[in-house]
Amino acid sequence: MALYTKEEALAYHSDKRRGKLEVFSIKPCATQKHLTMAYSPGVAEACRAIHADTEKVYEYTNKGNLVAVVSNGTAVLGLGNIGPEAGKPVMEGKGVLFKIFADIDVYDLNIRQLDPLKVIEFCKMLEPTFGGINLEDIKSPECFQIEQTLIKEMGIPVFHDDQHGTAIISGAGLLNALEISGKKIGDIKVVVSGAGAAAVSTCRFYISMGLTREQIFMFDSKGLIHTGREGLNKEKREFAQSKACTLAEAMNGADLFLGLSTKDILNADMVRSMAEHPVIFACANPDPEIPYAVAKEARADLIMATGRSDFPNQINNVLGFPYIFRGALDVRARIINEEMKLAAARALADLAKEPVPAEVCALFGVKELKFGMDYVIPKPLDPRVLTWVAPAVAKAAMDSGVATQPLDLASYPAALEARMASMRARTKMAVDSFGYGF
């Protein structure tokens, strides 16, 4: 059942001030002295300091807490190639999530550009202003070239959330699902429906966790990706099996099904044919690759996750990107590397084993949440995610040598909590001043 009507959703985006983000000054500008310090001539002092030492830009500007969300609108949510204007509400929404969950400021930059080399050129020109770049809703396979080139050629973190978000969150769920079922990642058979950016990157992430390519049976709209097929791009060839088979055949004895495709790909017979204690991550939205009730009825020993909030174990990217960038920004990491992504997944997996506060349970209308088949991934609105994931990411950055500004990890969680309390108070005051009725 929908939580909103079409009219309510449109009003949310258009009522009072249009859009979802606003820029406002955090320094006073009420007197002649304020004015001269904010702009001319006092601003020259900051300019001279930065000119003498470029790293001072982090001290005298907002660069260290500013992320660019860059999109060309070619792969927006489940809407496809709808263009940069139609994709802008999503990018604004991304900015809201960065701010509300991790107190990171965002400018969404929606560009009319399909040439990946020109997207790369555009992003590289942003480095003096931004502390990080979140690539968003850029179609495959161009997204791979864009991200990898920028990671190599820029000195700030670049992260394509469509690739890595699902990988990290589902990776956390997989760690816990394997623990519950008593299986090892090196022994499982994985069937993947979908071969786009999220599917390829998730499989690569699972490989970094200990899976091998031989264990992965990846399907696209034309069937199994195998060496006998022509016209495969580089990313698909990476996962080509030696022999062809059908999806039903591949599902026989499978331990994990990862769905990043469309609804009604699976049926109950396929679920029944899976190995003992099977795992299904059916991430198609709004309708998963098999209805939740159908899958659970087929196998009582099934651990299932979806992209939906109305079923247990939601794979929601908001559990990842705000906190990964928070940790990366706070140590001024040059990149977001594999060690940092793995640290985020392990932190989420560990948090799911902790007792859940009553106030978090109340947000989701349940009496308790306890580690087990129906709770292998923390809930998206759990405020503890910040103080678990950001420090883990920061530590991994320092340990792996990509941090340029180490911090005190012992005091870091308390500093994060204080920061968020201040941000929430400011946000509440701003929102309340408009008198919204949502």
Protein backbone atom coordinates (compact mmCIF):
# COMPACT_ATOMS: atom_id res chain seq x y z
CA MET A 1 0.00 0.00 0.00
CA ALA A 2 1.44 3.38 -1.02
CA LEU A 3 2.39 5.76 1.78
CA TYR A 4 1.60 8.80 -0.37
CA THR A 5 -0.51 9.95 -3.29
CA LYS A 6 0.88 11.37 -6.52
CA GLU A 7 -0.41 14.79 -5.47
CA GLU A 8 1.30 14.58 -2.08
CA ALA A 9 4.61 13.60 -3.69
CA LEU A 10 4.46 16.49 -6.15
CA ALA A 11 3.51 18.92 -3.38
CA TYR A 12 6.49 17.74 -1.33
CA HIS A 13 8.78 18.82 -4.17
CA SER A 14 6.98 22.07 -5.07
CA ASP A 15 5.32 23.50 -1.94
CA LYS A 16 6.54 26.77 -0.42
CA ARG A 17 10.16 26.97 -1.63
CA ARG A 18 10.53 24.74 -4.69
CA GLY A 19 12.92 21.82 -4.68
CA LYS A 20 14.47 20.25 -1.58
CA LEU A 21 17.71 22.14 -0.91
CA GLU A 22 18.63 25.68 0.06
CA VAL A 23 21.95 27.49 0.49
CA PHE A 24 22.16 29.82 3.47
CA SER A 25 24.98 31.67 5.18
CA ILE A 26 26.50 30.25 8.35
CA LYS A 27 28.47 33.43 9.10
CA PRO A 28 26.94 36.78 10.11
CA CYS A 29 26.75 39.58 7.57
CA ALA A 30 24.83 42.26 9.45
CA THR A 31 27.45 44.98 9.93
CA GLN A 32 30.00 46.87 7.83
CA LYS A 33 32.78 44.83 9.48
CA HIS A 34 31.03 41.56 8.63
CA LEU A 35 30.64 42.67 5.04
CA THR A 36 34.31 43.56 4.65
CA MET A 37 35.38 40.18 6.09
CA ALA A 38 32.89 38.15 4.06
CA TYR A 39 33.93 39.77 0.81
CA SER A 40 36.21 42.66 -0.05
CA PRO A 41 38.73 43.48 1.28
CA GLY A 42 38.89 40.99 4.20
CA VAL A 43 38.38 37.91 2.05
CA ALA A 44 41.81 38.58 0.54
CA GLU A 45 43.41 37.31 3.74
CA ALA A 46 41.96 33.85 3.13
CA CYS A 47 42.91 34.04 -0.54
CA ARG A 48 46.54 34.89 0.29
CA ALA A 49 46.76 32.10 2.85
CA ILE A 50 45.47 29.54 0.34
CA HIS A 51 47.72 30.88 -2.41
CA ALA A 52 50.71 30.34 -0.12
CA ASP A 53 49.54 26.84 0.86
CA THR A 54 46.85 25.22 -1.30
CA GLU A 55 45.92 22.79 1.51
CA LYS A 56 44.62 25.77 3.48
CA VAL A 57 41.56 25.62 1.19
CA TYR A 58 40.28 22.99 3.63
CA GLU A 59 40.66 25.43 6.52
CA TYR A 60 39.22 28.60 5.01
CA THR A 61 36.49 27.23 2.71
CA ASN A 62 33.80 24.55 2.79
CA LYS A 63 35.67 22.21 0.40
CA GLY A 64 36.27 19.58 3.10
CA ASN A 65 32.54 19.08 3.64
CA LEU A 66 31.28 19.60 0.10
CA VAL A 67 30.39 16.83 -2.37
CA ALA A 68 29.30 17.19 -5.99
CA VAL A 69 26.53 14.83 -7.06
CA VAL A 70 27.15 14.59 -10.81
CA SER A 71 24.70 12.97 -13.24
CA ASN A 72 23.81 13.08 -16.92
CA GLY A 73 20.42 11.45 -16.30
CA THR A 74 21.08 8.38 -18.46
CA ALA A 75 20.13 5.70 -15.88
CA VAL A 76 17.82 7.28 -13.30
CA LEU A 77 16.42 4.91 -10.67
CA GLY A 78 14.03 2.58 -12.49
CA LEU A 79 13.17 5.31 -14.99
CA GLY A 80 16.05 4.89 -17.41
CA ASN A 81 17.45 7.58 -19.69
CA ILE A 82 15.18 10.50 -18.81
CA GLY A 83 17.75 13.28 -19.11
CA PRO A 84 19.39 15.71 -16.66
CA GLU A 85 16.35 17.88 -15.98
CA ALA A 86 14.05 14.95 -15.13
CA GLY A 87 16.83 13.40 -13.08
CA LYS A 88 17.41 16.53 -10.99
CA PRO A 89 14.76 15.71 -8.32
CA VAL A 90 16.67 12.50 -7.61
CA MET A 91 19.98 14.34 -7.33
CA GLU A 92 18.43 16.89 -4.99
CA GLY A 93 17.13 13.97 -2.96
CA LYS A 94 20.63 12.57 -2.81
CA GLY A 95 21.73 15.89 -1.38
CA VAL A 96 19.04 15.67 1.30
CA LEU A 97 20.25 12.21 2.33
CA PHE A 98 23.89 13.33 2.49
CA LYS A 99 22.88 16.18 4.77
CA ILE A 100 20.35 14.46 7.01
CA PHE A 101 22.36 11.29 7.57
CA ALA A 102 25.93 12.62 7.64
CA ASP A 103 25.88 16.46 7.65
CA ILE A 104 27.58 16.67 4.25
CA ASP A 105 26.78 19.60 1.98
CA VAL A 106 25.98 18.91 -1.67
CA TYR A 107 25.60 20.74 -4.94
CA ASP A 108 23.80 18.60 -7.50
CA LEU A 109 25.26 19.11 -10.97
CA ASN A 110 23.05 17.76 -13.74
CA ILE A 111 24.85 17.97 -17.04
CA ARG A 112 23.70 17.54 -20.63
CA GLN A 113 26.58 15.38 -21.80
CA LEU A 114 26.67 11.81 -23.13
CA ASP A 115 30.33 11.63 -24.15
CA PRO A 116 32.18 9.89 -21.28
CA LEU A 117 35.42 11.75 -22.06
CA LYS A 118 33.64 15.08 -21.69
CA VAL A 119 31.98 13.95 -18.44
CA ILE A 120 35.47 13.07 -17.19
CA GLU A 121 36.78 16.48 -18.28
CA PHE A 122 33.89 18.22 -16.51
CA CYS A 123 34.44 16.36 -13.24
CA LYS A 124 38.19 16.99 -13.22
CA MET A 125 37.53 20.74 -13.44
CA LEU A 126 35.54 20.54 -10.18
CA GLU A 127 38.43 19.44 -7.96
CA PRO A 128 39.35 22.91 -6.61
CA THR A 129 35.81 23.37 -5.24
CA PHE A 130 34.71 19.94 -4.00
CA GLY A 131 36.08 17.53 -1.43
CA GLY A 132 34.50 14.54 -3.19
CA ILE A 133 32.39 13.52 -6.18
CA ASN A 134 29.41 11.17 -6.08
CA LEU A 135 28.64 9.98 -9.60
CA GLU A 136 24.98 9.10 -9.92
CA ASP A 137 22.63 7.54 -12.46
CA ILE A 138 25.14 7.30 -15.32
CA LYS A 139 24.50 4.33 -17.57
CA SER A 140 26.70 1.30 -18.12
CA PRO A 141 29.25 0.70 -19.55
CA GLU A 142 30.29 4.38 -19.70
CA CYS A 143 30.06 4.65 -15.92
CA PHE A 144 32.97 2.23 -15.48
CA GLN A 145 35.29 4.25 -17.70
CA ILE A 146 34.25 7.53 -16.08
CA GLU A 147 34.74 6.39 -12.50
CA GLN A 148 38.00 4.50 -13.00
CA THR A 149 39.58 7.35 -14.96
CA LEU A 150 38.58 9.92 -12.34
CA ILE A 151 39.87 7.75 -9.49
CA LYS A 152 43.26 7.56 -11.22
CA GLU A 153 43.48 11.20 -12.23
CA MET A 154 41.91 13.09 -9.31
CA GLY A 155 43.14 13.64 -5.76
CA ILE A 156 39.72 13.55 -4.09
CA PRO A 157 37.33 10.62 -3.49
CA VAL A 158 35.19 9.66 -6.50
CA PHE A 159 32.42 7.12 -5.91
CA HIS A 160 29.71 5.86 -8.26
CA ASP A 161 26.98 4.86 -5.83
CA ASP A 162 24.96 2.92 -8.41
CA GLN A 163 27.92 0.58 -8.71
CA HIS A 164 29.11 0.26 -5.15
CA GLY A 165 26.13 1.04 -2.91
CA THR A 166 24.25 -2.21 -3.52
CA ALA A 167 27.55 -4.11 -3.43
CA ILE A 168 28.45 -2.87 0.04
CA ILE A 169 25.00 -3.16 1.63
CA SER A 170 24.26 -6.58 0.15
CA GLY A 171 27.81 -7.62 1.03
CA ALA A 172 27.03 -6.91 4.67
CA GLY A 173 23.85 -8.98 4.38
CA LEU A 174 25.76 -11.80 2.71
CA LEU A 175 28.35 -11.92 5.49
CA ASN A 176 25.60 -12.40 8.05
CA ALA A 177 23.54 -14.78 5.91
CA LEU A 178 26.56 -17.03 5.46
CA GLU A 179 27.23 -16.94 9.20
CA ILE A 180 23.64 -17.97 9.94
CA SER A 181 23.69 -20.78 7.36
CA GLY A 182 27.16 -22.00 8.32
CA LYS A 183 28.51 -21.61 4.77
CA LYS A 184 31.76 -20.16 3.47
CA ILE A 185 31.82 -17.69 0.61
CA GLY A 186 34.39 -19.75 -1.29
CA ASP A 187 31.98 -22.70 -1.44
CA ILE A 188 28.76 -21.11 -2.67
CA LYS A 189 27.12 -20.95 -6.08
CA VAL A 190 25.82 -17.52 -7.09
CA VAL A 191 23.23 -16.74 -9.76
CA VAL A 192 22.91 -13.12 -10.86
CA SER A 193 20.03 -11.64 -12.86
CA GLY A 194 21.24 -8.41 -14.42
CA ALA A 195 24.56 -7.39 -15.92
CA GLY A 196 24.60 -3.62 -15.55
CA ALA A 197 26.76 -1.39 -13.37
CA ALA A 198 25.33 -2.58 -10.05
CA ALA A 199 25.51 -6.28 -10.93
CA VAL A 200 29.07 -6.14 -12.24
CA SER A 201 30.35 -4.07 -9.34
CA THR A 202 28.53 -6.18 -6.75
CA CYS A 203 30.08 -9.35 -8.17
CA ARG A 204 33.50 -7.73 -8.14
CA PHE A 205 32.93 -6.75 -4.52
CA TYR A 206 31.93 -10.31 -3.61
CA ILE A 207 35.15 -11.47 -5.27
CA SER A 208 37.10 -9.13 -2.98
CA MET A 209 35.26 -10.86 -0.12
CA GLY A 210 36.48 -14.29 -1.26
CA LEU A 211 34.18 -15.42 -4.09
CA THR A 212 35.68 -16.58 -7.41
CA ARG A 213 34.44 -15.77 -10.91
CA GLU A 214 33.82 -19.45 -11.58
CA GLN A 215 31.14 -19.43 -8.86
CA ILE A 216 29.12 -16.70 -10.61
CA PHE A 217 26.41 -17.38 -13.23
CA MET A 218 25.41 -13.98 -14.59
CA PHE A 219 22.34 -13.50 -16.81
CA ASP A 220 21.33 -10.51 -18.91
CA SER A 221 18.22 -10.06 -21.07
CA LYS A 222 19.63 -12.52 -23.63
CA GLY A 223 20.40 -15.31 -21.16
CA LEU A 224 23.53 -16.62 -19.48
CA ILE A 225 26.72 -14.75 -20.22
CA HIS A 226 29.06 -17.41 -21.65
CA THR A 227 32.09 -17.62 -23.89
CA GLY A 228 30.07 -18.80 -26.89
CA ARG A 229 28.18 -15.50 -27.12
CA GLU A 230 29.26 -12.69 -29.42
CA GLY A 231 29.09 -8.97 -28.77
CA LEU A 232 29.87 -9.07 -25.04
CA ASN A 233 31.43 -5.93 -23.62
CA LYS A 234 34.56 -6.08 -21.48
CA GLU A 235 32.63 -6.16 -18.20
CA LYS A 236 30.37 -9.02 -19.29
CA ARG A 237 33.27 -11.07 -20.67
CA GLU A 238 34.78 -10.90 -17.21
CA PHE A 239 31.98 -13.16 -15.92
CA ALA A 240 31.46 -15.46 -18.91
CA GLN A 241 30.88 -19.13 -18.09
CA SER A 242 32.28 -21.83 -20.38
CA LYS A 243 28.91 -23.47 -21.12
CA ALA A 244 25.41 -22.16 -21.70
CA CYS A 245 22.46 -23.04 -19.45
CA THR A 246 19.02 -21.70 -18.61
CA LEU A 247 18.18 -19.70 -15.50
CA ALA A 248 16.20 -22.64 -14.11
CA GLU A 249 19.19 -24.92 -14.61
CA ALA A 250 21.55 -22.45 -12.94
CA MET A 251 19.21 -22.03 -9.96
CA ASN A 252 19.37 -25.75 -9.21
CA GLY A 253 21.65 -26.01 -6.17
CA ALA A 254 22.36 -22.28 -6.04
CA ASP A 255 23.15 -20.78 -2.64
CA LEU A 256 22.59 -17.13 -3.55
CA PHE A 257 20.39 -15.37 -6.08
CA LEU A 258 21.24 -11.72 -6.67
CA GLY A 259 18.58 -9.84 -8.60
CA LEU A 260 19.34 -6.47 -10.16
CA SER A 261 16.96 -6.73 -13.08
CA THR A 262 13.16 -6.76 -13.21
CA LYS A 263 10.12 -8.39 -11.64
CA ASP A 264 8.93 -11.97 -12.18
CA ILE A 265 12.32 -13.39 -13.20
CA LEU A 266 12.10 -16.15 -10.57
CA ASN A 267 9.31 -18.58 -9.74
CA ALA A 268 8.63 -20.78 -6.74
CA ASP A 269 9.99 -23.92 -8.41
CA MET A 270 13.35 -22.22 -8.93
CA VAL A 271 13.46 -21.24 -5.27
CA ARG A 272 12.61 -24.78 -4.20
CA SER A 273 15.51 -26.08 -6.31
CA MET A 274 18.10 -23.99 -4.48
CA ALA A 275 20.57 -25.41 -1.94
CA GLU A 276 19.81 -25.66 1.78
CA HIS A 277 19.50 -22.31 3.58
CA PRO A 278 19.31 -20.31 0.34
CA VAL A 279 19.73 -16.57 0.12
CA ILE A 280 17.80 -14.30 -2.26
CA PHE A 281 18.66 -10.64 -2.70
CA ALA A 282 15.88 -9.47 -5.04
CA CYS A 283 16.62 -5.78 -5.54
CA ALA A 284 14.40 -4.80 -8.48
CA ASN A 285 12.19 -1.85 -7.54
CA PRO A 286 9.36 -1.39 -6.95
CA ASP A 287 8.64 -5.08 -7.55
CA PRO A 288 11.37 -7.63 -6.75
CA GLU A 289 12.34 -10.48 -9.06
CA ILE A 290 9.94 -12.72 -7.13
CA PRO A 291 7.22 -11.60 -4.70
CA TYR A 292 8.42 -11.80 -1.13
CA ALA A 293 5.49 -13.93 0.04
CA VAL A 294 5.88 -16.39 -2.84
CA ALA A 295 9.58 -16.92 -2.16
CA LYS A 296 9.14 -17.33 1.60
CA GLU A 297 6.29 -19.78 1.11
CA ALA A 298 8.45 -21.86 -1.23
CA ARG A 299 11.30 -22.20 1.29
CA ALA A 300 10.99 -21.85 5.05
CA ASP A 301 14.79 -21.77 5.38
CA LEU A 302 15.16 -18.81 3.01
CA ILE A 303 16.96 -15.59 3.95
CA MET A 304 15.54 -12.89 1.69
CA ALA A 305 16.28 -9.23 1.18
CA THR A 306 14.73 -6.71 -1.21
CA GLY A 307 15.03 -3.03 -2.03
CA ARG A 308 11.70 -2.33 -0.33
CA SER A 309 11.11 -0.89 3.13
CA ASP A 310 7.93 -2.91 3.74
CA PHE A 311 9.79 -6.25 3.92
CA PRO A 312 12.61 -7.39 6.23
CA ASN A 313 16.24 -6.88 5.23
CA GLN A 314 16.03 -3.82 3.01
CA ILE A 315 19.10 -3.28 0.81
CA ASN A 316 19.09 0.50 0.88
CA ASN A 317 22.09 2.48 -0.40
CA VAL A 318 21.52 5.16 2.23
CA LEU A 319 23.20 2.73 4.66
CA GLY A 320 26.42 3.33 2.74
CA PHE A 321 27.24 6.46 0.78
CA PRO A 322 26.65 9.20 3.43
CA TYR A 323 28.82 7.44 6.00
CA ILE A 324 31.49 6.32 3.53
CA PHE A 325 31.93 9.91 2.35
CA ARG A 326 31.83 11.18 5.95
CA GLY A 327 34.74 8.96 6.93
CA ALA A 328 36.61 9.68 3.70
CA LEU A 329 36.20 13.46 3.98
CA ASP A 330 37.21 13.58 7.63
CA VAL A 331 40.59 11.98 6.92
CA ARG A 332 40.89 13.74 3.53
CA ALA A 333 41.26 10.44 1.74
CA ARG A 334 42.60 10.66 -1.81
CA ILE A 335 40.31 7.82 -2.95
CA ILE A 336 37.65 5.45 -1.65
CA ASN A 337 39.47 2.15 -2.03
CA GLU A 338 38.45 -1.48 -1.66
CA GLU A 339 39.64 -1.61 1.93
CA MET A 340 37.29 1.24 2.85
CA LYS A 341 34.33 -0.43 1.11
CA LEU A 342 35.01 -3.75 2.85
CA ALA A 343 35.31 -1.94 6.18
CA ALA A 344 31.89 -0.38 5.62
CA ALA A 345 30.30 -3.76 4.83
CA ARG A 346 31.86 -5.41 7.88
CA ALA A 347 30.78 -2.56 10.14
CA LEU A 348 27.19 -2.88 8.92
CA ALA A 349 27.31 -6.66 9.40
CA ASP A 350 28.61 -6.25 12.94
CA LEU A 351 26.01 -3.61 13.83
CA ALA A 352 23.20 -5.99 12.85
CA LYS A 353 24.32 -8.28 15.69
CA GLU A 354 23.99 -5.57 18.32
CA PRO A 355 20.85 -5.07 20.44
CA VAL A 356 18.54 -2.60 18.68
CA PRO A 357 17.29 0.35 20.76
CA ALA A 358 13.54 0.55 21.37
CA GLU A 359 13.34 3.92 19.62
CA VAL A 360 14.71 2.41 16.40
CA CYS A 361 12.22 -0.45 16.58
CA ALA A 362 9.41 2.07 17.09
CA LEU A 363 10.36 3.87 13.86
CA PHE A 364 9.52 0.66 11.97
CA GLY A 365 6.47 -0.33 14.01
CA VAL A 366 7.98 -3.48 15.55
CA LYS A 367 8.55 -4.51 19.17
CA GLU A 368 12.03 -5.84 18.58
CA LEU A 369 14.67 -6.44 15.95
CA LYS A 370 17.03 -9.30 16.62
CA PHE A 371 19.87 -10.74 14.56
CA GLY A 372 18.59 -13.65 12.50
CA MET A 373 17.00 -14.57 9.18
CA ASP A 374 14.71 -11.53 9.14
CA TYR A 375 17.37 -9.09 10.37
CA VAL A 376 20.77 -9.44 8.71
CA ILE A 377 21.06 -5.77 7.66
CA PRO A 378 20.62 -2.72 9.94
CA LYS A 379 17.64 -0.47 9.37
CA PRO A 380 18.24 2.70 7.29
CA LEU A 381 17.00 5.09 10.01
CA ASP A 382 19.22 3.62 12.76
CA PRO A 383 21.36 6.59 13.90
CA ARG A 384 24.11 4.23 15.09
CA VAL A 385 25.07 3.49 11.48
CA LEU A 386 27.02 6.76 11.35
CA THR A 387 29.17 6.01 14.38
CA TRP A 388 29.85 2.46 13.20
CA VAL A 389 30.51 2.95 9.51
CA ALA A 390 32.26 6.34 9.29
CA PRO A 391 34.96 5.42 11.87
CA ALA A 392 35.48 2.03 10.18
CA VAL A 393 35.95 3.75 6.82
CA ALA A 394 38.25 6.40 8.30
CA LYS A 395 40.39 3.72 9.98
CA ALA A 396 40.62 1.71 6.76
CA ALA A 397 41.72 4.83 4.90
CA MET A 398 44.43 5.50 7.46
CA ASP A 399 45.55 1.87 7.61
CA SER A 400 45.73 1.59 3.81
CA GLY A 401 47.70 4.82 3.40
CA VAL A 402 45.20 6.93 1.46
CA ALA A 403 44.33 9.31 4.31
CA THR A 404 46.13 12.66 4.29
CA GLN A 405 44.68 14.03 7.55
CA PRO A 406 44.60 11.30 10.25
CA LEU A 407 42.19 11.76 13.15
CA ASP A 408 41.76 10.47 16.69
CA LEU A 409 39.48 7.45 16.30
CA ALA A 410 38.81 7.24 20.04
CA SER A 411 37.08 10.62 20.12
CA TYR A 412 35.67 10.51 16.59
CA PRO A 413 32.29 8.83 17.34
CA ALA A 414 31.44 11.39 20.04
CA ALA A 415 32.42 14.21 17.68
CA LEU A 416 30.12 12.76 15.02
CA GLU A 417 27.19 12.59 17.46
CA ALA A 418 27.72 16.21 18.50
CA ARG A 419 27.93 17.29 14.89
CA MET A 420 24.68 15.55 14.01
CA ALA A 421 22.83 16.99 17.01
CA SER A 422 23.81 20.50 15.91
CA MET A 423 22.81 19.82 12.29
CA ARG A 424 19.41 18.39 13.27
CA ALA A 425 18.64 21.45 15.40
CA ARG A 426 19.48 23.80 12.53
CA THR A 427 17.52 21.73 10.01
CA LYS A 428 14.45 21.51 12.23
CA MET A 429 14.45 25.27 12.71
CA ALA A 430 14.70 25.86 8.96
CA VAL A 431 11.98 23.36 8.04
CA ASP A 432 9.63 24.47 10.83
CA SER A 433 9.90 28.08 9.67
CA PHE A 434 8.07 27.19 6.45
CA GLY A 435 5.18 25.46 8.24
CA TYR A 436 4.97 22.41 6.03
CA GLY A 437 1.99 20.14 6.56
CA PHE A 438 3.54 16.88 5.36
